[in-house]
């Protein structure tokens, strides 16, 4: 029995180390990608003293994702390696509330980016749409502020609910990252889950609506320009925007499914989906940011320039090593 117990403990430790290693590598890559976006836009801001609306959204999005990844790694590390530390008041409440803040900031700012692209690129004769197109640059700061305020509200609500639940000893367990389900627990957490699910769903609907509007605008534009043999710049803009929006829509849909799973498994004491949810949530900011880089000419050129410089340095280093090898192989003995 002791041998079996030690074997199970060893397997559990090995699984935890592998899980943390995978999440760490994933988070590190995503951190580098989003730090690159923030650095490029900050340098451009210093040089030009101003940023356009899309760059403002990208800057806020990059910052939110950077800090979300940092908090997510801390949360994952504590949950997998040493879950007992999550029971120390108020570590669990603070980490969870902070993570919720950056999750919602990420979702709503990225949804604002989709809506911005839709309003800027799509062509509709509706008076309200024309009004939005004319005023969108002034609306963007308010969209960003609203996203941050709403995310802060969710974070405060999550902290308050968790603090009350734990203080009243509502069957809180330190095993894993979840708390055991009960009728009182469900009653306690229902308002948080309802508002959280509503926030997830609203941002997803906004992204879906933006993608469908752009798709319809592109289809109508193709019908109008099908007799024109000349290359149309507006058509190219539609196609490029649709590629970005559709790729984001697919990624956003996958991320949305796993965000809903976090709500479903939150009140389940035996959560086998925890590791997979961590993987997907940490992958989304990096993968989507890569698509944003290659859909933005400034970011794409800067990244390609950096990669070409790194490649040149590697090539020069290899050439020097090849030239020095014959000198090292010369027989210096007398």
C-alpha atoms as a PDB file:
ATOM      1  CA  UNK A   1       0.000   0.000   0.000  1.00  0.00           C
ATOM      2  CA  UNK A   2       2.839   2.397   0.817  1.00  0.00           C
ATOM      3  CA  UNK A   3       4.496   1.636  -2.523  1.00  0.00           C
ATOM      4  CA  UNK A   4       1.255   2.327  -4.405  1.00  0.00           C
ATOM      5  CA  UNK A   5       0.759   5.558  -2.487  1.00  0.00           C
ATOM      6  CA  UNK A   6       4.299   6.748  -3.232  1.00  0.00           C
ATOM      7  CA  UNK A   7       3.876   5.833  -6.917  1.00  0.00           C
ATOM      8  CA  UNK A   8       0.633   7.806  -7.152  1.00  0.00           C
ATOM      9  CA  UNK A   9       2.270  10.757  -5.394  1.00  0.00           C
ATOM     10  CA  UNK A  10       5.246  10.592  -7.785  1.00  0.00           C
ATOM     11  CA  UNK A  11       2.933  10.482 -10.817  1.00  0.00           C
ATOM     12  CA  UNK A  12       0.971  13.433  -9.481  1.00  0.00           C
ATOM     13  CA  UNK A  13       4.156  15.425  -8.927  1.00  0.00           C
ATOM     14  CA  UNK A  14       5.426  14.605 -12.420  1.00  0.00           C
ATOM     15  CA  UNK A  15       2.086  15.650 -13.934  1.00  0.00           C
ATOM     16  CA  UNK A  16       2.180  18.943 -12.022  1.00  0.00           C
ATOM     17  CA  UNK A  17       5.739  19.720 -13.167  1.00  0.00           C
ATOM     18  CA  UNK A  18       4.900  18.968 -16.810  1.00  0.00           C
ATOM     19  CA  UNK A  19       1.692  21.030 -16.619  1.00  0.00           C
ATOM     20  CA  UNK A  20       3.473  24.041 -15.133  1.00  0.00           C
ATOM     21  CA  UNK A  21       6.306  23.726 -17.681  1.00  0.00           C
ATOM     22  CA  UNK A  22       3.855  23.737 -20.629  1.00  0.00           C
ATOM     23  CA  UNK A  23       1.885  26.669 -19.239  1.00  0.00           C
ATOM     24  CA  UNK A  24       5.105  28.585 -18.492  1.00  0.00           C
ATOM     25  CA  UNK A  25       6.413  28.175 -22.054  1.00  0.00           C
ATOM     26  CA  UNK A  26       3.039  29.186 -23.469  1.00  0.00           C
ATOM     27  CA  UNK A  27       2.753  32.229 -21.226  1.00  0.00           C
ATOM     28  CA  UNK A  28       6.339  33.307 -21.952  1.00  0.00           C
ATOM     29  CA  UNK A  29       5.698  33.224 -25.733  1.00  0.00           C
ATOM     30  CA  UNK A  30       2.433  35.148 -25.369  1.00  0.00           C
ATOM     31  CA  UNK A  31       4.090  37.684 -23.064  1.00  0.00           C
ATOM     32  CA  UNK A  32       6.818  38.336 -25.638  1.00  0.00           C
ATOM     33  CA  UNK A  33       4.259  38.836 -28.422  1.00  0.00           C
ATOM     34  CA  UNK A  34       2.116  41.295 -26.468  1.00  0.00           C
ATOM     35  CA  UNK A  35       5.158  43.104 -25.047  1.00  0.00           C
ATOM     36  CA  UNK A  36       6.314  43.594 -28.643  1.00  0.00           C
ATOM     37  CA  UNK A  37       2.978  45.213 -29.567  1.00  0.00           C
ATOM     38  CA  UNK A  38       3.073  47.514 -26.544  1.00  0.00           C
ATOM     39  CA  UNK A  39       6.722  48.491 -27.134  1.00  0.00           C
ATOM     40  CA  UNK A  40       6.211  49.312 -30.831  1.00  0.00           C
ATOM     41  CA  UNK A  41       3.104  51.402 -30.158  1.00  0.00           C
ATOM     42  CA  UNK A  42       4.709  53.229 -27.221  1.00  0.00           C
ATOM     43  CA  UNK A  43       7.744  54.131 -29.361  1.00  0.00           C
ATOM     44  CA  UNK A  44       5.406  55.370 -32.103  1.00  0.00           C
ATOM     45  CA  UNK A  45       3.477  57.371 -29.490  1.00  0.00           C
ATOM     46  CA  UNK A  46       6.662  59.034 -28.254  1.00  0.00           C
ATOM     47  CA  UNK A  47       7.779  59.861 -31.811  1.00  0.00           C
ATOM     48  CA  UNK A  48       4.444  61.115 -33.179  1.00  0.00           C
ATOM     49  CA  UNK A  49       3.041  62.423 -29.868  1.00  0.00           C
ATOM     50  CA  UNK A  50      -0.281  60.830 -30.851  1.00  0.00           C
ATOM     51  CA  UNK A  51      -1.906  57.521 -31.813  1.00  0.00           C
ATOM     52  CA  UNK A  52      -4.845  56.787 -34.081  1.00  0.00           C
ATOM     53  CA  UNK A  53      -7.930  54.990 -32.758  1.00  0.00           C
ATOM     54  CA  UNK A  54      -6.924  51.471 -33.789  1.00  0.00           C
ATOM     55  CA  UNK A  55      -3.474  51.924 -32.242  1.00  0.00           C
ATOM     56  CA  UNK A  56      -5.053  53.108 -28.980  1.00  0.00           C
ATOM     57  CA  UNK A  57      -7.202  49.972 -28.844  1.00  0.00           C
ATOM     58  CA  UNK A  58      -4.221  47.752 -29.661  1.00  0.00           C
ATOM     59  CA  UNK A  59      -2.102  49.432 -26.974  1.00  0.00           C
ATOM     60  CA  UNK A  60      -4.744  48.934 -24.268  1.00  0.00           C
ATOM     61  CA  UNK A  61      -5.367  45.386 -25.483  1.00  0.00           C
ATOM     62  CA  UNK A  62      -1.652  44.541 -25.376  1.00  0.00           C
ATOM     63  CA  UNK A  63      -1.317  45.916 -21.827  1.00  0.00           C
ATOM     64  CA  UNK A  64      -4.398  44.014 -20.603  1.00  0.00           C
ATOM     65  CA  UNK A  65      -3.157  40.774 -22.118  1.00  0.00           C
ATOM     66  CA  UNK A  66       0.345  41.213 -20.737  1.00  0.00           C
ATOM     67  CA  UNK A  67      -0.889  41.579 -17.175  1.00  0.00           C
ATOM     68  CA  UNK A  68      -3.563  38.903 -17.633  1.00  0.00           C
ATOM     69  CA  UNK A  69      -0.861  36.424 -18.629  1.00  0.00           C
ATOM     70  CA  UNK A  70       1.229  37.337 -15.578  1.00  0.00           C
ATOM     71  CA  UNK A  71      -1.707  36.868 -13.190  1.00  0.00           C
ATOM     72  CA  UNK A  72      -2.854  33.736 -15.023  1.00  0.00           C
ATOM     73  CA  UNK A  73       0.589  32.155 -14.610  1.00  0.00           C
ATOM     74  CA  UNK A  74       0.603  32.924 -10.873  1.00  0.00           C
ATOM     75  CA  UNK A  75      -2.911  31.481 -10.544  1.00  0.00           C
ATOM     76  CA  UNK A  76      -1.990  28.338 -12.524  1.00  0.00           C
ATOM     77  CA  UNK A  77       1.225  27.822 -10.561  1.00  0.00           C
ATOM     78  CA  UNK A  78      -0.528  28.098  -7.204  1.00  0.00           C
ATOM     79  CA  UNK A  79      -3.469  25.943  -8.321  1.00  0.00           C
ATOM     80  CA  UNK A  80      -1.303  23.092  -9.677  1.00  0.00           C
ATOM     81  CA  UNK A  81       1.854  23.116  -7.522  1.00  0.00           C
ATOM     82  CA  UNK A  82       0.800  24.474  -4.136  1.00  0.00           C
ATOM     83  CA  UNK A  83      -3.005  24.875  -3.902  1.00  0.00           C
ATOM     84  CA  UNK A  84      -2.775  25.222  -0.117  1.00  0.00           C
ATOM     85  CA  UNK A  85      -1.467  28.773  -0.575  1.00  0.00           C
ATOM     86  CA  UNK A  86      -4.747  29.734  -2.231  1.00  0.00           C
ATOM     87  CA  UNK A  87      -6.423  29.150   1.135  1.00  0.00           C
ATOM     88  CA  UNK A  88      -4.387  31.914   2.772  1.00  0.00           C
ATOM     89  CA  UNK A  89      -6.638  34.951   3.179  1.00  0.00           C
ATOM     90  CA  UNK A  90      -6.939  36.960   0.939  1.00  0.00           C
ATOM     91  CA  UNK A  91      -4.680  35.436  -1.776  1.00  0.00           C
ATOM     92  CA  UNK A  92      -7.445  33.443  -3.476  1.00  0.00           C
ATOM     93  CA  UNK A  93      -9.849  36.404  -3.573  1.00  0.00           C
ATOM     94  CA  UNK A  94      -7.238  38.881  -4.835  1.00  0.00           C
ATOM     95  CA  UNK A  95      -5.816  36.598  -7.537  1.00  0.00           C
ATOM     96  CA  UNK A  96      -9.253  35.521  -8.776  1.00  0.00           C
ATOM     97  CA  UNK A  97     -10.654  39.063  -8.813  1.00  0.00           C
ATOM     98  CA  UNK A  98      -7.561  40.425 -10.606  1.00  0.00           C
ATOM     99  CA  UNK A  99      -7.729  37.615 -13.167  1.00  0.00           C
ATOM    100  CA  UNK A 100     -11.424  38.367 -13.784  1.00  0.00           C
ATOM    101  CA  UNK A 101     -10.604  42.029 -14.301  1.00  0.00           C
ATOM    102  CA  UNK A 102      -8.040  41.317 -17.018  1.00  0.00           C
ATOM    103  CA  UNK A 103     -10.154  38.577 -18.648  1.00  0.00           C
ATOM    104  CA  UNK A 104     -13.069  40.968 -19.090  1.00  0.00           C
ATOM    105  CA  UNK A 105     -10.793  43.812 -20.152  1.00  0.00           C
ATOM    106  CA  UNK A 106      -9.307  41.533 -22.811  1.00  0.00           C
ATOM    107  CA  UNK A 107     -12.725  40.384 -24.049  1.00  0.00           C
ATOM    108  CA  UNK A 108     -14.333  43.801 -24.189  1.00  0.00           C
ATOM    109  CA  UNK A 109     -11.370  45.670 -25.657  1.00  0.00           C
ATOM    110  CA  UNK A 110     -10.947  43.009 -28.353  1.00  0.00           C
ATOM    111  CA  UNK A 111     -14.700  43.207 -29.056  1.00  0.00           C
ATOM    112  CA  UNK A 112     -14.311  46.989 -29.358  1.00  0.00           C
ATOM    113  CA  UNK A 113     -11.517  46.412 -31.895  1.00  0.00           C
ATOM    114  CA  UNK A 114     -13.823  44.219 -33.981  1.00  0.00           C
ATOM    115  CA  UNK A 115     -16.574  46.808 -33.829  1.00  0.00           C
ATOM    116  CA  UNK A 116     -14.121  49.547 -34.790  1.00  0.00           C
ATOM    117  CA  UNK A 117     -12.936  47.616 -37.860  1.00  0.00           C
ATOM    118  CA  UNK A 118     -16.534  46.935 -38.845  1.00  0.00           C
ATOM    119  CA  UNK A 119     -17.610  50.578 -38.624  1.00  0.00           C
ATOM    120  CA  UNK A 120     -14.476  51.877 -40.346  1.00  0.00           C
ATOM    121  CA  UNK A 121     -14.412  49.445 -43.269  1.00  0.00           C
ATOM    122  CA  UNK A 122     -18.006  48.361 -43.947  1.00  0.00           C
ATOM    123  CA  UNK A 123     -20.179  50.567 -46.164  1.00  0.00           C
ATOM    124  CA  UNK A 124     -23.868  50.963 -45.319  1.00  0.00           C
ATOM    125  CA  UNK A 125     -26.233  53.807 -46.096  1.00  0.00           C
ATOM    126  CA  UNK A 126     -28.040  53.590 -42.777  1.00  0.00           C
ATOM    127  CA  UNK A 127     -28.086  57.014 -41.081  1.00  0.00           C
ATOM    128  CA  UNK A 128     -27.080  55.591 -37.695  1.00  0.00           C
ATOM    129  CA  UNK A 129     -24.186  53.688 -39.251  1.00  0.00           C
ATOM    130  CA  UNK A 130     -23.012  56.830 -41.075  1.00  0.00           C
ATOM    131  CA  UNK A 131     -23.198  58.726 -37.777  1.00  0.00           C
ATOM    132  CA  UNK A 132     -21.090  56.046 -36.047  1.00  0.00           C
ATOM    133  CA  UNK A 133     -18.534  56.139 -38.872  1.00  0.00           C
ATOM    134  CA  UNK A 134     -18.169  59.899 -38.442  1.00  0.00           C
ATOM    135  CA  UNK A 135     -17.981  59.776 -34.637  1.00  0.00           C
ATOM    136  CA  UNK A 136     -16.107  56.496 -34.072  1.00  0.00           C
ATOM    137  CA  UNK A 137     -12.768  58.186 -33.304  1.00  0.00           C
ATOM    138  CA  UNK A 138     -14.416  60.125 -30.472  1.00  0.00           C
ATOM    139  CA  UNK A 139     -16.314  57.054 -29.254  1.00  0.00           C
ATOM    140  CA  UNK A 140     -13.218  54.822 -28.961  1.00  0.00           C
ATOM    141  CA  UNK A 141     -11.876  56.399 -25.694  1.00  0.00           C
ATOM    142  CA  UNK A 142     -15.314  55.985 -24.108  1.00  0.00           C
ATOM    143  CA  UNK A 143     -15.485  52.362 -25.266  1.00  0.00           C
ATOM    144  CA  UNK A 144     -12.118  51.680 -23.651  1.00  0.00           C
ATOM    145  CA  UNK A 145     -13.132  53.466 -20.451  1.00  0.00           C
ATOM    146  CA  UNK A 146     -16.428  51.577 -20.348  1.00  0.00           C
ATOM    147  CA  UNK A 147     -14.620  48.262 -20.810  1.00  0.00           C
ATOM    148  CA  UNK A 148     -12.271  49.001 -17.911  1.00  0.00           C
ATOM    149  CA  UNK A 149     -15.090  50.206 -15.627  1.00  0.00           C
ATOM    150  CA  UNK A 150     -17.253  47.158 -16.350  1.00  0.00           C
ATOM    151  CA  UNK A 151     -14.279  44.838 -15.784  1.00  0.00           C
ATOM    152  CA  UNK A 152     -13.514  46.598 -12.495  1.00  0.00           C
ATOM    153  CA  UNK A 153     -17.139  46.128 -11.416  1.00  0.00           C
ATOM    154  CA  UNK A 154     -16.939  42.384 -12.142  1.00  0.00           C
ATOM    155  CA  UNK A 155     -13.640  42.123 -10.232  1.00  0.00           C
ATOM    156  CA  UNK A 156     -15.049  43.900  -7.158  1.00  0.00           C
ATOM    157  CA  UNK A 157     -18.194  41.755  -7.253  1.00  0.00           C
ATOM    158  CA  UNK A 158     -16.121  38.556  -7.553  1.00  0.00           C
ATOM    159  CA  UNK A 159     -13.868  39.572  -4.653  1.00  0.00           C
ATOM    160  CA  UNK A 160     -16.815  40.481  -2.417  1.00  0.00           C
ATOM    161  CA  UNK A 161     -18.707  37.263  -3.173  1.00  0.00           C
ATOM    162  CA  UNK A 162     -15.657  35.049  -2.672  1.00  0.00           C
ATOM    163  CA  UNK A 163     -14.748  36.815   0.569  1.00  0.00           C
ATOM    164  CA  UNK A 164     -18.261  36.373   1.984  1.00  0.00           C
ATOM    165  CA  UNK A 165     -18.429  32.734   0.898  1.00  0.00           C
ATOM    166  CA  UNK A 166     -15.072  31.837   2.444  1.00  0.00           C
ATOM    167  CA  UNK A 167     -15.694  33.808   5.634  1.00  0.00           C
ATOM    168  CA  UNK A 168     -19.010  31.963   6.127  1.00  0.00           C
ATOM    169  CA  UNK A 169     -17.225  28.600   5.571  1.00  0.00           C
ATOM    170  CA  UNK A 170     -19.493  27.566   2.742  1.00  0.00           C
ATOM    171  CA  UNK A 171     -17.767  24.191   2.222  1.00  0.00           C
ATOM    172  CA  UNK A 172     -14.674  25.844   0.781  1.00  0.00           C
ATOM    173  CA  UNK A 173     -12.011  23.265  -0.065  1.00  0.00           C
ATOM    174  CA  UNK A 174      -8.312  23.749  -0.705  1.00  0.00           C
ATOM    175  CA  UNK A 175      -8.050  20.754  -3.033  1.00  0.00           C
ATOM    176  CA  UNK A 176      -7.497  22.108  -6.537  1.00  0.00           C
ATOM    177  CA  UNK A 177      -8.776  25.584  -7.304  1.00  0.00           C
ATOM    178  CA  UNK A 178     -12.496  25.030  -6.915  1.00  0.00           C
ATOM    179  CA  UNK A 179     -14.920  25.026  -4.017  1.00  0.00           C
ATOM    180  CA  UNK A 180     -17.371  22.194  -3.387  1.00  0.00           C
ATOM    181  CA  UNK A 181     -20.906  22.662  -4.722  1.00  0.00           C
ATOM    182  CA  UNK A 182     -23.893  23.037  -2.418  1.00  0.00           C
ATOM    183  CA  UNK A 183     -27.296  24.671  -2.539  1.00  0.00           C
ATOM    184  CA  UNK A 184     -26.152  27.628  -0.432  1.00  0.00           C
ATOM    185  CA  UNK A 185     -23.045  28.023  -2.603  1.00  0.00           C
ATOM    186  CA  UNK A 186     -25.100  28.117  -5.792  1.00  0.00           C
ATOM    187  CA  UNK A 187     -27.383  30.709  -4.280  1.00  0.00           C
ATOM    188  CA  UNK A 188     -24.364  32.748  -3.197  1.00  0.00           C
ATOM    189  CA  UNK A 189     -22.552  32.641  -6.537  1.00  0.00           C
ATOM    190  CA  UNK A 190     -25.528  32.819  -8.896  1.00  0.00           C
ATOM    191  CA  UNK A 191     -25.414  36.653  -9.279  1.00  0.00           C
ATOM    192  CA  UNK A 192     -21.678  36.531 -10.100  1.00  0.00           C
ATOM    193  CA  UNK A 193     -22.116  33.680 -12.573  1.00  0.00           C
ATOM    194  CA  UNK A 194     -25.094  35.391 -14.189  1.00  0.00           C
ATOM    195  CA  UNK A 195     -23.291  38.727 -14.685  1.00  0.00           C
ATOM    196  CA  UNK A 196     -20.105  36.948 -15.797  1.00  0.00           C
ATOM    197  CA  UNK A 197     -21.965  34.803 -18.323  1.00  0.00           C
ATOM    198  CA  UNK A 198     -23.852  37.861 -19.544  1.00  0.00           C
ATOM    199  CA  UNK A 199     -20.561  39.702 -20.055  1.00  0.00           C
ATOM    200  CA  UNK A 200     -19.053  36.765 -21.962  1.00  0.00           C
ATOM    201  CA  UNK A 201     -22.153  36.395 -24.137  1.00  0.00           C
ATOM    202  CA  UNK A 202     -22.515  40.121 -24.891  1.00  0.00           C
ATOM    203  CA  UNK A 203     -18.919  40.468 -26.071  1.00  0.00           C
ATOM    204  CA  UNK A 204     -19.280  37.303 -28.177  1.00  0.00           C
ATOM    205  CA  UNK A 205     -22.475  38.634 -29.786  1.00  0.00           C
ATOM    206  CA  UNK A 206     -20.692  41.920 -30.565  1.00  0.00           C
ATOM    207  CA  UNK A 207     -17.846  40.058 -32.312  1.00  0.00           C
ATOM    208  CA  UNK A 208     -20.279  37.830 -34.220  1.00  0.00           C
ATOM    209  CA  UNK A 209     -22.401  40.792 -35.302  1.00  0.00           C
ATOM    210  CA  UNK A 210     -19.325  42.705 -36.490  1.00  0.00           C
ATOM    211  CA  UNK A 211     -18.061  39.711 -38.500  1.00  0.00           C
ATOM    212  CA  UNK A 212     -21.451  39.175 -40.156  1.00  0.00           C
ATOM    213  CA  UNK A 213     -21.778  42.854 -41.056  1.00  0.00           C
ATOM    214  CA  UNK A 214     -18.334  42.884 -42.647  1.00  0.00           C
ATOM    215  CA  UNK A 215     -19.100  39.670 -44.529  1.00  0.00           C
ATOM    216  CA  UNK A 216     -22.336  41.131 -45.886  1.00  0.00           C
ATOM    217  CA  UNK A 217     -20.584  44.385 -46.840  1.00  0.00           C
ATOM    218  CA  UNK A 218     -17.880  42.451 -48.703  1.00  0.00           C
ATOM    219  CA  UNK A 219     -20.431  40.314 -50.556  1.00  0.00           C
ATOM    220  CA  UNK A 220     -22.454  43.358 -51.603  1.00  0.00           C
ATOM    221  CA  UNK A 221     -19.304  45.182 -52.687  1.00  0.00           C
ATOM    222  CA  UNK A 222     -18.264  42.227 -54.865  1.00  0.00           C
ATOM    223  CA  UNK A 223     -21.667  42.214 -56.530  1.00  0.00           C
ATOM    224  CA  UNK A 224     -21.406  45.925 -57.277  1.00  0.00           C
ATOM    225  CA  UNK A 225     -17.821  45.719 -58.587  1.00  0.00           C
ATOM    226  CA  UNK A 226     -17.952  42.395 -60.448  1.00  0.00           C
ATOM    227  CA  UNK A 227     -18.103  44.149 -63.828  1.00  0.00           C
ATOM    228  CA  UNK A 228     -15.091  46.337 -62.979  1.00  0.00           C
ATOM    229  CA  UNK A 229     -11.875  44.667 -64.161  1.00  0.00           C
ATOM    230  CA  UNK A 230      -9.605  47.148 -62.367  1.00  0.00           C
ATOM    231  CA  UNK A 231      -8.176  46.272 -58.984  1.00  0.00           C
ATOM    232  CA  UNK A 232     -10.167  48.017 -56.279  1.00  0.00           C
ATOM    233  CA  UNK A 233      -8.423  49.219 -53.118  1.00  0.00           C
ATOM    234  CA  UNK A 234     -11.634  49.104 -51.116  1.00  0.00           C
ATOM    235  CA  UNK A 235     -12.073  45.481 -52.137  1.00  0.00           C
ATOM    236  CA  UNK A 236      -8.565  44.650 -50.916  1.00  0.00           C
ATOM    237  CA  UNK A 237      -9.294  46.373 -47.611  1.00  0.00           C
ATOM    238  CA  UNK A 238     -12.502  44.346 -47.242  1.00  0.00           C
ATOM    239  CA  UNK A 239     -10.730  41.058 -47.940  1.00  0.00           C
ATOM    240  CA  UNK A 240      -7.856  41.780 -45.554  1.00  0.00           C
ATOM    241  CA  UNK A 241     -10.231  42.901 -42.809  1.00  0.00           C
ATOM    242  CA  UNK A 242     -12.434  39.848 -43.301  1.00  0.00           C
ATOM    243  CA  UNK A 243      -9.456  37.510 -42.986  1.00  0.00           C
ATOM    244  CA  UNK A 244      -8.509  39.166 -39.701  1.00  0.00           C
ATOM    245  CA  UNK A 245     -12.075  39.251 -38.396  1.00  0.00           C
ATOM    246  CA  UNK A 246     -12.867  35.660 -39.393  1.00  0.00           C
ATOM    247  CA  UNK A 247      -9.635  34.315 -37.884  1.00  0.00           C
ATOM    248  CA  UNK A 248     -10.382  36.262 -34.717  1.00  0.00           C
ATOM    249  CA  UNK A 249     -13.992  35.008 -34.741  1.00  0.00           C
ATOM    250  CA  UNK A 250     -12.811  31.382 -34.810  1.00  0.00           C
ATOM    251  CA  UNK A 251     -10.324  32.002 -31.995  1.00  0.00           C
ATOM    252  CA  UNK A 252     -12.880  34.008 -30.024  1.00  0.00           C
ATOM    253  CA  UNK A 253     -15.473  31.228 -30.404  1.00  0.00           C
ATOM    254  CA  UNK A 254     -13.065  28.614 -29.016  1.00  0.00           C
ATOM    255  CA  UNK A 255     -12.086  30.915 -26.161  1.00  0.00           C
ATOM    256  CA  UNK A 256     -15.772  31.678 -25.451  1.00  0.00           C
ATOM    257  CA  UNK A 257     -16.575  27.959 -25.175  1.00  0.00           C
ATOM    258  CA  UNK A 258     -13.808  27.438 -22.628  1.00  0.00           C
ATOM    259  CA  UNK A 259     -14.820  30.544 -20.681  1.00  0.00           C
ATOM    260  CA  UNK A 260     -18.308  29.080 -20.357  1.00  0.00           C
ATOM    261  CA  UNK A 261     -16.721  25.804 -19.236  1.00  0.00           C
ATOM    262  CA  UNK A 262     -14.986  27.686 -16.419  1.00  0.00           C
ATOM    263  CA  UNK A 263     -18.438  28.679 -15.135  1.00  0.00           C
ATOM    264  CA  UNK A 264     -19.782  25.129 -15.506  1.00  0.00           C
ATOM    265  CA  UNK A 265     -16.855  23.503 -13.703  1.00  0.00           C
ATOM    266  CA  UNK A 266     -16.423  26.241 -11.095  1.00  0.00           C
ATOM    267  CA  UNK A 267     -18.802  24.513  -8.694  1.00  0.00           C
ATOM    268  CA  UNK A 268     -17.488  21.033  -9.430  1.00  0.00           C
ATOM    269  CA  UNK A 269     -15.118  19.640  -6.855  1.00  0.00           C
ATOM    270  CA  UNK A 270     -13.622  17.159  -9.350  1.00  0.00           C
ATOM    271  CA  UNK A 271     -12.506  19.296 -12.245  1.00  0.00           C
ATOM    272  CA  UNK A 272     -10.648  17.276 -14.913  1.00  0.00           C
ATOM    273  CA  UNK A 273     -10.864  20.186 -17.379  1.00  0.00           C
ATOM    274  CA  UNK A 274      -8.735  22.594 -15.341  1.00  0.00           C
ATOM    275  CA  UNK A 275      -5.454  22.010 -17.166  1.00  0.00           C
ATOM    276  CA  UNK A 276      -7.067  22.189 -20.641  1.00  0.00           C
ATOM    277  CA  UNK A 277      -8.863  25.421 -19.697  1.00  0.00           C
ATOM    278  CA  UNK A 278      -5.569  26.947 -18.529  1.00  0.00           C
ATOM    279  CA  UNK A 279      -3.915  25.967 -21.826  1.00  0.00           C
ATOM    280  CA  UNK A 280      -6.627  27.508 -24.024  1.00  0.00           C
ATOM    281  CA  UNK A 281      -7.001  30.689 -21.963  1.00  0.00           C
ATOM    282  CA  UNK A 282      -3.241  31.316 -22.012  1.00  0.00           C
ATOM    283  CA  UNK A 283      -2.963  30.501 -25.729  1.00  0.00           C
ATOM    284  CA  UNK A 284      -5.710  32.870 -26.911  1.00  0.00           C
ATOM    285  CA  UNK A 285      -3.918  36.190 -26.121  1.00  0.00           C
ATOM    286  CA  UNK A 286      -0.759  35.078 -27.920  1.00  0.00           C
ATOM    287  CA  UNK A 287      -2.339  33.500 -31.009  1.00  0.00           C
ATOM    288  CA  UNK A 288      -4.770  36.366 -31.569  1.00  0.00           C
ATOM    289  CA  UNK A 289      -2.045  38.967 -31.039  1.00  0.00           C
ATOM    290  CA  UNK A 290       0.003  37.240 -33.766  1.00  0.00           C
ATOM    291  CA  UNK A 291      -2.927  37.652 -36.198  1.00  0.00           C
ATOM    292  CA  UNK A 292      -3.179  41.308 -35.201  1.00  0.00           C
ATOM    293  CA  UNK A 293       0.531  41.840 -35.872  1.00  0.00           C
ATOM    294  CA  UNK A 294       0.308  40.408 -39.391  1.00  0.00           C
ATOM    295  CA  UNK A 295      -2.858  42.378 -40.139  1.00  0.00           C
ATOM    296  CA  UNK A 296      -1.207  45.663 -39.117  1.00  0.00           C
ATOM    297  CA  UNK A 297       1.412  46.942 -41.640  1.00  0.00           C
ATOM    298  CA  UNK A 298       3.441  48.874 -39.045  1.00  0.00           C
ATOM    299  CA  UNK A 299       3.664  45.973 -36.594  1.00  0.00           C
ATOM    300  CA  UNK A 300       4.333  43.465 -39.354  1.00  0.00           C
ATOM    301  CA  UNK A 301       7.191  45.516 -40.869  1.00  0.00           C
ATOM    302  CA  UNK A 302       8.783  46.045 -37.462  1.00  0.00           C
ATOM    303  CA  UNK A 303       8.579  42.348 -36.594  1.00  0.00           C
ATOM    304  CA  UNK A 304      10.025  41.279 -39.959  1.00  0.00           C
ATOM    305  CA  UNK A 305      12.822  43.848 -39.564  1.00  0.00           C
ATOM    306  CA  UNK A 306      13.710  42.477 -36.126  1.00  0.00           C
ATOM    307  CA  UNK A 307      13.616  38.880 -37.352  1.00  0.00           C
ATOM    308  CA  UNK A 308      15.804  39.747 -40.357  1.00  0.00           C
ATOM    309  CA  UNK A 309      18.352  41.459 -38.074  1.00  0.00           C
ATOM    310  CA  UNK A 310      18.431  38.422 -35.778  1.00  0.00           C
ATOM    311  CA  UNK A 311      18.820  36.150 -38.804  1.00  0.00           C
ATOM    312  CA  UNK A 312      21.706  38.259 -40.151  1.00  0.00           C
ATOM    313  CA  UNK A 313      23.499  38.168 -36.792  1.00  0.00           C
ATOM    314  CA  UNK A 314      23.105  34.387 -36.625  1.00  0.00           C
ATOM    315  CA  UNK A 315      24.440  34.034 -40.189  1.00  0.00           C
ATOM    316  CA  UNK A 316      27.432  36.283 -39.433  1.00  0.00           C
ATOM    317  CA  UNK A 317      28.191  34.301 -36.278  1.00  0.00           C
ATOM    318  CA  UNK A 318      28.100  31.028 -38.226  1.00  0.00           C
ATOM    319  CA  UNK A 319      30.407  32.441 -40.922  1.00  0.00           C
ATOM    320  CA  UNK A 320      32.912  33.588 -38.282  1.00  0.00           C
ATOM    321  CA  UNK A 321      32.830  30.168 -36.645  1.00  0.00           C
ATOM    322  CA  UNK A 322      33.450  28.492 -40.002  1.00  0.00           C
ATOM    323  CA  UNK A 323      36.428  30.793 -40.691  1.00  0.00           C
ATOM    324  CA  UNK A 324      37.902  30.230 -37.241  1.00  0.00           C
ATOM    325  CA  UNK A 325      37.587  26.424 -37.339  1.00  0.00           C
ATOM    326  CA  UNK A 326      40.588  25.901 -39.733  1.00  0.00           C
ATOM    327  CA  UNK A 327      42.748  28.085 -37.474  1.00  0.00           C
ATOM    328  CA  UNK A 328      41.885  25.960 -34.449  1.00  0.00           C
ATOM    329  CA  UNK A 329      42.661  22.766 -36.358  1.00  0.00           C
ATOM    330  CA  UNK A 330      46.225  23.854 -37.327  1.00  0.00           C
ATOM    331  CA  UNK A 331      48.952  21.688 -35.764  1.00  0.00           C
ATOM    332  CA  UNK A 332      51.107  24.007 -33.668  1.00  0.00           C
ATOM    333  CA  UNK A 333      53.446  21.299 -32.360  1.00  0.00           C
ATOM    334  CA  UNK A 334      57.165  21.626 -33.235  1.00  0.00           C
END
